C-alpha atoms as a PDB file:
ATOM      1  CA  MET A   1     -11.530   3.874   3.361  1.00  0.00           C
ATOM      2  CA  ALA A   2     -11.201   0.376   4.842  1.00  0.00           C
ATOM      3  CA  ASN A   3     -14.074  -1.105   6.819  1.00  0.00           C
ATOM      4  CA  LYS A   4     -13.832  -0.959  10.606  1.00  0.00           C
ATOM      5  CA  VAL A   5     -12.459  -4.081  12.286  1.00  0.00           C
ATOM      6  CA  GLU A   6     -14.530  -5.449  15.166  1.00  0.00           C
ATOM      7  CA  VAL A   7     -12.361  -6.530  18.106  1.00  0.00           C
ATOM      8  CA  LYS A   8     -14.993  -9.086  19.175  1.00  0.00           C
ATOM      9  CA  GLU A   9     -14.747 -10.824  15.787  1.00  0.00           C
ATOM     10  CA  LEU A  10     -10.953 -11.005  16.142  1.00  0.00           C
ATOM     11  CA  LEU A  11     -11.400 -12.470  19.639  1.00  0.00           C
ATOM     12  CA  ASP A  12     -13.798 -15.134  18.325  1.00  0.00           C
ATOM     13  CA  ALA A  13     -11.310 -16.059  15.585  1.00  0.00           C
ATOM     14  CA  GLY A  14      -8.501 -16.522  18.135  1.00  0.00           C
ATOM     15  CA  VAL A  15      -6.306 -13.794  16.648  1.00  0.00           C
ATOM     16  CA  HIS A  16      -5.105 -12.899  20.176  1.00  0.00           C
ATOM     17  CA  PHE A  17      -3.276 -16.177  20.937  1.00  0.00           C
ATOM     18  CA  GLY A  18       0.481 -15.777  20.710  1.00  0.00           C
ATOM     19  CA  HIS A  19       3.304 -18.300  21.214  1.00  0.00           C
ATOM     20  CA  LEU A  20       4.746 -19.694  24.453  1.00  0.00           C
ATOM     21  CA  THR A  21       6.415 -16.981  26.518  1.00  0.00           C
ATOM     22  CA  ARG A  22       9.830 -18.688  26.276  1.00  0.00           C
ATOM     23  CA  ARG A  23       9.688 -18.454  22.461  1.00  0.00           C
ATOM     24  CA  TRP A  24       8.834 -14.754  22.261  1.00  0.00           C
ATOM     25  CA  ASN A  25      10.724 -12.040  20.395  1.00  0.00           C
ATOM     26  CA  PRO A  26      11.289  -8.999  22.691  1.00  0.00           C
ATOM     27  CA  ASN A  27      10.608  -6.638  19.758  1.00  0.00           C
ATOM     28  CA  MET A  28       6.967  -7.772  19.840  1.00  0.00           C
ATOM     29  CA  ALA A  29       6.567  -6.340  23.382  1.00  0.00           C
ATOM     30  CA  PRO A  30       4.547  -3.254  22.231  1.00  0.00           C
ATOM     31  CA  TYR A  31       1.875  -5.551  20.729  1.00  0.00           C
ATOM     32  CA  ILE A  32       1.570  -7.944  23.705  1.00  0.00           C
ATOM     33  CA  TYR A  33      -1.273  -7.328  26.153  1.00  0.00           C
ATOM     34  CA  MET A  34      -0.487  -9.901  28.870  1.00  0.00           C
ATOM     35  CA  GLU A  35       0.689 -13.423  29.645  1.00  0.00           C
ATOM     36  CA  ARG A  36      -1.706 -16.224  30.523  1.00  0.00           C
ATOM     37  CA  ASN A  37      -0.817 -19.868  31.286  1.00  0.00           C
ATOM     38  CA  GLY A  38       2.633 -19.444  29.768  1.00  0.00           C
ATOM     39  CA  ILE A  39       1.232 -17.984  26.519  1.00  0.00           C
ATOM     40  CA  HIS A  40       1.441 -14.389  25.351  1.00  0.00           C
ATOM     41  CA  ILE A  41      -1.842 -12.628  24.551  1.00  0.00           C
ATOM     42  CA  ILE A  42      -1.783 -10.116  21.662  1.00  0.00           C
ATOM     43  CA  ASN A  43      -3.414  -6.705  22.142  1.00  0.00           C
ATOM     44  CA  LEU A  44      -6.403  -6.912  19.745  1.00  0.00           C
ATOM     45  CA  TYR A  45      -7.003  -3.152  19.718  1.00  0.00           C
ATOM     46  CA  LYS A  46      -3.546  -2.720  18.204  1.00  0.00           C
ATOM     47  CA  SER A  47      -4.206  -5.616  15.802  1.00  0.00           C
ATOM     48  CA  ALA A  48      -7.444  -3.949  14.613  1.00  0.00           C
ATOM     49  CA  ALA A  49      -5.715  -0.578  14.090  1.00  0.00           C
ATOM     50  CA  LYS A  50      -2.822  -2.186  12.186  1.00  0.00           C
ATOM     51  CA  MET A  51      -5.223  -4.225  10.031  1.00  0.00           C
ATOM     52  CA  GLN A  52      -7.038  -1.046   8.960  1.00  0.00           C
ATOM     53  CA  GLU A  53      -3.761   0.728   8.232  1.00  0.00           C
ATOM     54  CA  ALA A  54      -2.482  -2.188   6.107  1.00  0.00           C
ATOM     55  CA  ALA A  55      -5.833  -2.555   4.306  1.00  0.00           C
ATOM     56  CA  GLU A  56      -5.844   1.130   3.271  1.00  0.00           C
ATOM     57  CA  ALA A  57      -2.283   0.890   1.923  1.00  0.00           C
ATOM     58  CA  LEU A  58      -3.064  -2.348   0.012  1.00  0.00           C
ATOM     59  CA  SER A  59      -6.205  -0.796  -1.466  1.00  0.00           C
ATOM     60  CA  LYS A  60      -4.127   2.112  -2.831  1.00  0.00           C
ATOM     61  CA  ILE A  61      -1.554  -0.270  -4.343  1.00  0.00           C
ATOM     62  CA  ALA A  62      -4.336  -2.286  -6.022  1.00  0.00           C
ATOM     63  CA  ALA A  63      -5.980   0.934  -7.301  1.00  0.00           C
ATOM     64  CA  SER A  64      -2.653   1.978  -8.863  1.00  0.00           C
ATOM     65  CA  GLY A  65      -2.711  -1.197 -10.988  1.00  0.00           C
ATOM     66  CA  ARG A  66       0.204  -3.009  -9.333  1.00  0.00           C
ATOM     67  CA  LYS A  67       0.089  -6.623  -8.148  1.00  0.00           C
ATOM     68  CA  ILE A  68       0.343  -7.845  -4.540  1.00  0.00           C
ATOM     69  CA  LEU A  69       2.111 -11.188  -4.133  1.00  0.00           C
ATOM     70  CA  PHE A  70       0.789 -13.398  -1.305  1.00  0.00           C
ATOM     71  CA  VAL A  71       3.192 -15.868   0.314  1.00  0.00           C
ATOM     72  CA  ALA A  72       2.148 -18.677   2.679  1.00  0.00           C
ATOM     73  CA  THR A  73       3.659 -22.154   2.492  1.00  0.00           C
ATOM     74  CA  LYS A  74       2.534 -23.487   5.878  1.00  0.00           C
ATOM     75  CA  LYS A  75      -0.095 -26.227   5.778  1.00  0.00           C
ATOM     76  CA  GLN A  76      -2.915 -24.401   7.621  1.00  0.00           C
ATOM     77  CA  ALA A  77      -2.553 -21.237   5.511  1.00  0.00           C
ATOM     78  CA  LYS A  78      -2.119 -22.694   1.978  1.00  0.00           C
ATOM     79  CA  GLU A  79      -5.744 -23.202   1.027  1.00  0.00           C
ATOM     80  CA  ILE A  80      -7.014 -20.003   2.684  1.00  0.00           C
ATOM     81  CA  VAL A  81      -4.382 -17.804   1.004  1.00  0.00           C
ATOM     82  CA  SER A  82      -4.875 -19.341  -2.454  1.00  0.00           C
ATOM     83  CA  GLU A  83      -8.651 -18.903  -2.139  1.00  0.00           C
ATOM     84  CA  GLU A  84      -8.541 -15.264  -0.956  1.00  0.00           C
ATOM     85  CA  ALA A  85      -5.748 -14.237  -3.361  1.00  0.00           C
ATOM     86  CA  SER A  86      -7.696 -15.747  -6.286  1.00  0.00           C
ATOM     87  CA  ARG A  87     -10.799 -13.830  -5.180  1.00  0.00           C
ATOM     88  CA  ALA A  88      -8.781 -10.605  -5.219  1.00  0.00           C
ATOM     89  CA  ASN A  89      -7.234 -11.619  -8.596  1.00  0.00           C
ATOM     90  CA  MET A  90      -3.699 -11.489  -7.171  1.00  0.00           C
ATOM     91  CA  PRO A  91      -0.692 -13.854  -7.582  1.00  0.00           C
ATOM     92  CA  TYR A  92       0.318 -16.163  -4.725  1.00  0.00           C
ATOM     93  CA  ILE A  93       2.931 -18.737  -3.688  1.00  0.00           C
ATOM     94  CA  THR A  94       1.653 -21.582  -1.510  1.00  0.00           C
ATOM     95  CA  GLU A  95       4.191 -24.258  -2.435  1.00  0.00           C
ATOM     96  CA  ARG A  96       7.941 -23.998  -1.816  1.00  0.00           C
ATOM     97  CA  TRP A  97       9.315 -20.464  -2.282  1.00  0.00           C
ATOM     98  CA  PRO A  98      11.489 -20.606  -5.446  1.00  0.00           C
ATOM     99  CA  GLY A  99      14.862 -19.019  -4.558  1.00  0.00           C
ATOM    100  CA  GLY A 100      15.418 -15.851  -6.589  1.00  0.00           C
ATOM    101  CA  MET A 101      11.700 -15.449  -7.217  1.00  0.00           C
ATOM    102  CA  LEU A 102      12.115 -11.666  -6.893  1.00  0.00           C
ATOM    103  CA  THR A 103      15.880 -11.058  -7.183  1.00  0.00           C
ATOM    104  CA  ASN A 104      16.153 -13.271 -10.288  1.00  0.00           C
ATOM    105  CA  PHE A 105      12.706 -12.567 -11.711  1.00  0.00           C
ATOM    106  CA  VAL A 106      13.825 -12.818 -15.367  1.00  0.00           C
ATOM    107  CA  THR A 107      14.705 -16.517 -14.940  1.00  0.00           C
ATOM    108  CA  ILE A 108      11.386 -17.214 -13.195  1.00  0.00           C
ATOM    109  CA  ARG A 109       9.556 -15.545 -16.097  1.00  0.00           C
ATOM    110  CA  LYS A 110      11.393 -17.843 -18.532  1.00  0.00           C
ATOM    111  CA  ALA A 111      10.110 -20.871 -16.592  1.00  0.00           C
ATOM    112  CA  VAL A 112       6.559 -19.471 -16.769  1.00  0.00           C
ATOM    113  CA  LYS A 113       6.964 -18.956 -20.528  1.00  0.00           C
ATOM    114  CA  LYS A 114       7.905 -22.634 -20.834  1.00  0.00           C
ATOM    115  CA  MET A 115       4.405 -23.519 -19.643  1.00  0.00           C
ATOM    116  CA  ALA A 116       2.893 -21.267 -22.287  1.00  0.00           C
ATOM    117  CA  SER A 117       5.051 -22.849 -25.024  1.00  0.00           C
ATOM    118  CA  VAL A 118       3.909 -26.360 -23.984  1.00  0.00           C
ATOM    119  CA  ASP A 119       0.281 -25.186 -24.172  1.00  0.00           C
ATOM    120  CA  ARG A 120       0.915 -23.810 -27.675  1.00  0.00           C
ATOM    121  CA  MET A 121       2.473 -27.127 -28.730  1.00  0.00           C
ATOM    122  CA  LYS A 122      -0.673 -28.939 -27.588  1.00  0.00           C
ATOM    123  CA  LYS A 123      -2.897 -26.531 -29.504  1.00  0.00           C
ATOM    124  CA  ASP A 124      -1.047 -26.577 -32.840  1.00  0.00           C
ATOM    125  CA  GLY A 125      -0.493 -30.353 -32.796  1.00  0.00           C
ATOM    126  CA  THR A 126       3.318 -30.287 -32.409  1.00  0.00           C
ATOM    127  CA  PHE A 127       2.975 -32.136 -29.106  1.00  0.00           C
ATOM    128  CA  ASN A 128       1.455 -35.190 -30.842  1.00  0.00           C
ATOM    129  CA  SER A 129       4.452 -35.469 -33.179  1.00  0.00           C
ATOM    130  CA  LEU A 130       6.753 -36.154 -30.187  1.00  0.00           C
ATOM    131  CA  SER A 131       7.587 -39.687 -29.081  1.00  0.00           C
ATOM    132  CA  LYS A 132       5.684 -41.222 -26.165  1.00  0.00           C
ATOM    133  CA  LYS A 133       8.667 -40.797 -23.820  1.00  0.00           C
ATOM    134  CA  GLU A 134       9.147 -37.125 -24.791  1.00  0.00           C
ATOM    135  CA  ARG A 135       5.436 -36.409 -24.306  1.00  0.00           C
ATOM    136  CA  LEU A 136       5.616 -37.925 -20.820  1.00  0.00           C
ATOM    137  CA  GLN A 137       8.673 -35.823 -19.928  1.00  0.00           C
ATOM    138  CA  VAL A 138       7.054 -32.604 -21.210  1.00  0.00           C
ATOM    139  CA  ASP A 139       3.837 -33.356 -19.275  1.00  0.00           C
ATOM    140  CA  ARG A 140       5.803 -33.944 -16.063  1.00  0.00           C
ATOM    141  CA  MET A 141       7.745 -30.709 -16.530  1.00  0.00           C
ATOM    142  CA  ARG A 142       4.509 -28.807 -17.223  1.00  0.00           C
ATOM    143  CA  ALA A 143       2.814 -30.271 -14.101  1.00  0.00           C
ATOM    144  CA  LYS A 144       5.800 -29.355 -11.901  1.00  0.00           C
ATOM    145  CA  LEU A 145       5.908 -25.783 -13.210  1.00  0.00           C
ATOM    146  CA  GLU A 146       2.128 -25.461 -12.812  1.00  0.00           C
ATOM    147  CA  LYS A 147       2.333 -26.606  -9.185  1.00  0.00           C
ATOM    148  CA  ASN A 148       5.106 -24.162  -8.233  1.00  0.00           C
ATOM    149  CA  LEU A 149       4.546 -21.199 -10.572  1.00  0.00           C
ATOM    150  CA  GLY A 150       1.058 -21.585 -12.051  1.00  0.00           C
ATOM    151  CA  SER A 151      -0.391 -19.059  -9.623  1.00  0.00           C
ATOM    152  CA  ILE A 152       2.035 -16.328 -10.788  1.00  0.00           C
ATOM    153  CA  ALA A 153       1.575 -16.878 -14.542  1.00  0.00           C
ATOM    154  CA  ASP A 154      -0.115 -13.454 -14.924  1.00  0.00           C
ATOM    155  CA  MET A 155       2.584 -11.588 -12.953  1.00  0.00           C
ATOM    156  CA  THR A 156       4.611 -10.049 -15.799  1.00  0.00           C
ATOM    157  CA  ARG A 157       6.651  -7.691 -13.579  1.00  0.00           C
ATOM    158  CA  LEU A 158       7.807  -7.413  -9.977  1.00  0.00           C
ATOM    159  CA  PRO A 159       4.938  -7.012  -7.488  1.00  0.00           C
ATOM    160  CA  GLY A 160       4.054  -3.686  -5.878  1.00  0.00           C
ATOM    161  CA  ALA A 161       3.939  -5.350  -2.443  1.00  0.00           C
ATOM    162  CA  LEU A 162       4.390  -8.655  -0.616  1.00  0.00           C
ATOM    163  CA  PHE A 163       1.891 -10.083   1.883  1.00  0.00           C
ATOM    164  CA  VAL A 164       3.360 -12.819   4.078  1.00  0.00           C
ATOM    165  CA  VAL A 165       1.877 -15.227   6.609  1.00  0.00           C
ATOM    166  CA  ASP A 166       4.592 -16.201   9.145  1.00  0.00           C
ATOM    167  CA  ILE A 167       7.716 -14.150   8.428  1.00  0.00           C
ATOM    168  CA  THR A 168       9.977 -16.579  10.326  1.00  0.00           C
ATOM    169  CA  ARG A 169       9.091 -19.400   7.939  1.00  0.00           C
ATOM    170  CA  GLU A 170       9.208 -17.167   4.823  1.00  0.00           C
ATOM    171  CA  HIS A 171      12.504 -15.436   5.743  1.00  0.00           C
ATOM    172  CA  ILE A 172      13.963 -15.907   2.214  1.00  0.00           C
ATOM    173  CA  ALA A 173      10.997 -14.088   0.626  1.00  0.00           C
ATOM    174  CA  ILE A 174      11.381 -11.296   3.209  1.00  0.00           C
ATOM    175  CA  LYS A 175      15.113 -10.890   2.448  1.00  0.00           C
ATOM    176  CA  GLU A 176      14.502 -10.735  -1.323  1.00  0.00           C
ATOM    177  CA  ALA A 177      11.754  -8.112  -0.918  1.00  0.00           C
ATOM    178  CA  GLN A 178      14.018  -6.033   1.366  1.00  0.00           C
ATOM    179  CA  LYS A 179      16.807  -6.106  -1.246  1.00  0.00           C
ATOM    180  CA  LEU A 180      14.455  -4.711  -3.894  1.00  0.00           C
ATOM    181  CA  ASN A 181      12.709  -2.244  -1.537  1.00  0.00           C
ATOM    182  CA  ILE A 182       9.327  -3.905  -2.061  1.00  0.00           C
ATOM    183  CA  PRO A 183       6.881  -2.997   0.769  1.00  0.00           C
ATOM    184  CA  ILE A 184       6.205  -5.971   3.068  1.00  0.00           C
ATOM    185  CA  PHE A 185       2.840  -6.582   4.743  1.00  0.00           C
ATOM    186  CA  ALA A 186       2.635  -9.510   7.151  1.00  0.00           C
ATOM    187  CA  MET A 187       0.814 -11.353   9.894  1.00  0.00           C
ATOM    188  CA  VAL A 188       3.398 -11.313  12.682  1.00  0.00           C
ATOM    189  CA  ASP A 189       3.182 -13.636  15.701  1.00  0.00           C
ATOM    190  CA  THR A 190       4.914 -13.125  19.074  1.00  0.00           C
ATOM    191  CA  ASN A 191       7.916 -15.281  18.048  1.00  0.00           C
ATOM    192  CA  SER A 192       8.850 -13.047  15.053  1.00  0.00           C
ATOM    193  CA  ASP A 193      10.713  -9.756  14.607  1.00  0.00           C
ATOM    194  CA  PRO A 194       8.316  -6.985  13.466  1.00  0.00           C
ATOM    195  CA  ARG A 195      11.230  -4.734  12.433  1.00  0.00           C
ATOM    196  CA  GLU A 196      11.606  -6.754   9.225  1.00  0.00           C
ATOM    197  CA  VAL A 197       8.132  -5.719   8.049  1.00  0.00           C
ATOM    198  CA  ASP A 198       6.806  -2.361   6.782  1.00  0.00           C
ATOM    199  CA  TYR A 199       3.162  -3.013   7.742  1.00  0.00           C
ATOM    200  CA  VAL A 200       2.840  -5.262  10.801  1.00  0.00           C
ATOM    201  CA  ILE A 201      -0.421  -7.065  11.621  1.00  0.00           C
ATOM    202  CA  PRO A 202       0.143  -8.594  15.095  1.00  0.00           C
ATOM    203  CA  ALA A 203      -1.876 -11.823  14.946  1.00  0.00           C
ATOM    204  CA  ASN A 204      -1.910 -15.559  15.527  1.00  0.00           C
ATOM    205  CA  ASP A 205      -0.397 -16.986  12.316  1.00  0.00           C
ATOM    206  CA  ASP A 206      -0.896 -20.663  13.243  1.00  0.00           C
ATOM    207  CA  ALA A 207      -4.688 -21.044  13.610  1.00  0.00           C
ATOM    208  CA  SER A 208      -6.641 -21.335  10.352  1.00  0.00           C
ATOM    209  CA  LYS A 209      -9.551 -19.285  11.812  1.00  0.00           C
ATOM    210  CA  SER A 210      -7.224 -16.391  12.592  1.00  0.00           C
ATOM    211  CA  ILE A 211      -5.559 -16.544   9.161  1.00  0.00           C
ATOM    212  CA  LYS A 212      -8.978 -16.671   7.456  1.00  0.00           C
ATOM    213  CA  LYS A 213     -10.207 -13.620   9.391  1.00  0.00           C
ATOM    214  CA  VAL A 214      -7.199 -11.450   8.483  1.00  0.00           C
ATOM    215  CA  MET A 215      -6.939 -12.709   4.904  1.00  0.00           C
ATOM    216  CA  SER A 216     -10.614 -12.161   4.067  1.00  0.00           C
ATOM    217  CA  TYR A 217     -10.409  -8.586   5.410  1.00  0.00           C
ATOM    218  CA  VAL A 218      -7.252  -7.888   3.375  1.00  0.00           C
ATOM    219  CA  ALA A 219      -8.763  -9.437   0.215  1.00  0.00           C
ATOM    220  CA  ASP A 220     -11.902  -7.267   0.618  1.00  0.00           C
ATOM    221  CA  SER A 221      -9.796  -4.096   0.732  1.00  0.00           C
ATOM    222  CA  ILE A 222      -7.904  -5.145  -2.430  1.00  0.00           C
ATOM    223  CA  VAL A 223     -11.200  -5.879  -4.224  1.00  0.00           C
ATOM    224  CA  ASP A 224     -12.377  -2.360  -3.248  1.00  0.00           C
ATOM    225  CA  GLY A 225      -9.153  -0.875  -4.655  1.00  0.00           C
ATOM    226  CA  LEU A 226      -9.621  -2.737  -7.945  1.00  0.00           C
ATOM    227  CA  ALA A 227     -13.256  -1.587  -8.163  1.00  0.00           C
ATOM    228  CA  GLU A 228     -12.122   2.014  -7.626  1.00  0.00           C
ATOM    229  CA  ARG A 229      -9.569   1.645 -10.438  1.00  0.00           C
ATOM    230  CA  LYS A 230     -12.245   0.226 -12.761  1.00  0.00           C
ATOM    231  CA  ALA A 231     -14.615   3.117 -11.953  1.00  0.00           C
ATOM    232  CA  ASP A 232     -11.880   5.696 -12.637  1.00  0.00           C
ATOM    233  CA  LYS A 233     -11.080   4.082 -15.981  1.00  0.00           C
ATOM    234  CA  ALA A 234     -14.761   4.069 -16.978  1.00  0.00           C
ATOM    235  CA  ALA A 235     -15.131   7.751 -15.997  1.00  0.00           C
ATOM    236  CA  LYS A 236     -12.068   8.736 -18.056  1.00  0.00           C
ATOM    237  CA  LYS A 237     -13.400   6.778 -21.041  1.00  0.00           C
ATOM    238  CA  GLU A 238     -16.734   8.609 -20.828  1.00  0.00           C
ATOM    239  CA  GLN A 239     -14.981  11.983 -20.651  1.00  0.00           C
ATOM    240  CA  LYS A 240     -12.883  11.107 -23.690  1.00  0.00           C
ATOM    241  CA  ALA A 241     -15.940  10.010 -25.658  1.00  0.00           C
ATOM    242  CA  ALA A 242     -17.888  13.154 -24.708  1.00  0.00           C
ATOM    243  CA  ALA A 243     -15.057  15.610 -25.549  1.00  0.00           C
ATOM    244  CA  PRO A 244     -15.220  15.500 -29.429  1.00  0.00           C
ATOM    245  CA  LYS A 245     -19.044  15.940 -29.398  1.00  0.00           C
ATOM    246  CA  LYS A 246     -18.764  19.235 -27.519  1.00  0.00           C
ATOM    247  CA  GLU A 247     -16.197  20.536 -30.001  1.00  0.00           C
ATOM    248  CA  ALA A 248     -18.446  19.622 -32.953  1.00  0.00           C
ATOM    249  CA  LYS A 249     -21.416  21.513 -31.441  1.00  0.00           C
ATOM    250  CA  ALA A 250     -19.436  24.688 -30.839  1.00  0.00           C
ATOM    251  CA  GLU A 251     -17.996  24.807 -34.394  1.00  0.00           C
ATOM    252  CA  VAL A 252     -15.390  27.364 -33.384  1.00  0.00           C
ATOM    253  CA  PRO A 253     -12.776  27.780 -36.124  1.00  0.00           C
ATOM    254  CA  SER A 254      -9.331  26.664 -35.006  1.00  0.00           C
ATOM    255  CA  LYS A 255      -6.362  29.036 -34.811  1.00  0.00           C
ATOM    256  CA  ASP A 256      -4.645  27.303 -37.741  1.00  0.00           C
ATOM    257  CA  ALA A 257      -7.701  27.827 -39.962  1.00  0.00           C
ATOM    258  CA  GLU A 258      -7.829  31.531 -39.015  1.00  0.00           C
ATOM    259  CA  ASP A 259      -4.116  31.942 -39.786  1.00  0.00           C
ATOM    260  CA  LYS A 260      -4.528  30.282 -43.200  1.00  0.00           C
ATOM    261  CA  LYS A 261      -7.452  32.576 -44.040  1.00  0.00           C
ATOM    262  CA  ALA A 262      -5.445  35.648 -43.044  1.00  0.00           C
ATOM    263  CA  MET A 263      -2.506  34.485 -45.189  1.00  0.00           C
ATOM    264  CA  LYS A 264      -4.762  34.048 -48.252  1.00  0.00           C
ATOM    265  CA  GLU A 265      -6.191  37.532 -47.837  1.00  0.00           C
ATOM    266  CA  ALA A 266      -2.705  39.019 -47.417  1.00  0.00           C
ATOM    267  CA  LYS A 267      -1.545  37.288 -50.621  1.00  0.00           C
ATOM    268  CA  LYS A 268      -4.562  38.692 -52.516  1.00  0.00           C
ATOM    269  CA  ASP A 269      -3.729  42.213 -51.298  1.00  0.00           C
ATOM    270  CA  VAL A 270      -0.115  41.816 -52.418  1.00  0.00           C
ATOM    271  CA  LYS A 271      -1.218  40.666 -55.906  1.00  0.00           C
ATOM    272  CA  LEU A 272      -3.609  43.628 -56.262  1.00  0.00           C
ATOM    273  CA  GLU A 273      -0.881  46.055 -55.165  1.00  0.00           C
ATOM    274  CA  SER A 274       1.592  44.676 -57.715  1.00  0.00           C
ATOM    275  CA  LYS A 275      -1.066  44.844 -60.477  1.00  0.00           C
ATOM    276  CA  LYS A 276      -1.756  48.496 -59.569  1.00  0.00           C
ATOM    277  CA  GLU A 277       1.946  49.326 -59.749  1.00  0.00           C
ATOM    278  CA  THR A 278       2.367  47.738 -63.211  1.00  0.00           C
ATOM    279  CA  LEU A 279      -0.699  49.615 -64.551  1.00  0.00           C
ATOM    280  CA  GLU A 280       0.567  52.940 -63.153  1.00  0.00           C
ATOM    281  CA  LYS A 281       3.999  52.381 -64.762  1.00  0.00           C
ATOM    282  CA  ALA A 282       2.369  51.573 -68.127  1.00  0.00           C
ATOM    283  CA  ASP A 283       0.233  54.776 -67.913  1.00  0.00           C
ATOM    284  CA  SER A 284       3.268  56.969 -67.150  1.00  0.00           C
ATOM    285  CA  LYS A 285       5.166  55.522 -70.152  1.00  0.00           C
ATOM    286  CA  GLU A 286       2.243  56.328 -72.506  1.00  0.00           C
ATOM    287  CA  ASP A 287       2.112  59.919 -71.198  1.00  0.00           C
ATOM    288  CA  ASN A 288       5.837  60.349 -71.903  1.00  0.00           C
END
């Protein structure tokens, strides 16, 4: 169960500030509380409820062992998202979204493998055998890949969910996730269309304080999900280790062993019967 969200804390973080009224998306009307000085104010009670709902779903995904990919390329969100995603041990994209990141995942994985091959070259000494120019080119390629894809190096398969900050800016990521039916969680401001997202968190996606507040709450729920998964694994391991000991104490003969014993006895009886018959036949011959 996700922790309760305090509305006062959201208010202090400025989560309630929306965009200018002229830039609003009418589909966000259910989440807007009022208009003040030409700016829409988001209903924080709805934000708190949606945050809890999203946190519970993310915790379940994390507990199932799947990855959650965080996407935020805007300046004020980059550092916060990378920090919180790293804390939750999840992949993230904070530089330019590489086209086909999800729909052409095989190619992206090949690029990630290139980084690993360069690292191997440096370890086994092959890198030093290259010319100075080649070494420089390989280093540049490695640095570029690290910048764009280094944060998803551990993501060996498609993520179980996508968490996006500012869906208008990250529209390509949203479209790719929709194509592959990957659940989308997002911070949605008053200028965006919430219908594109599965789990909407109505919030100010421009202020770093607001982003930090939502992201830290989301990361906490994922950490809880991972801890739950770890505890379940440990419990199963203990049960497995304890199971053979119980069997050894009981020393109950297995069904196969009982069947074998019965077969041996039956064979003995058959042999005795046949011996009896041969003796009886020999006796009757002597009498004749």
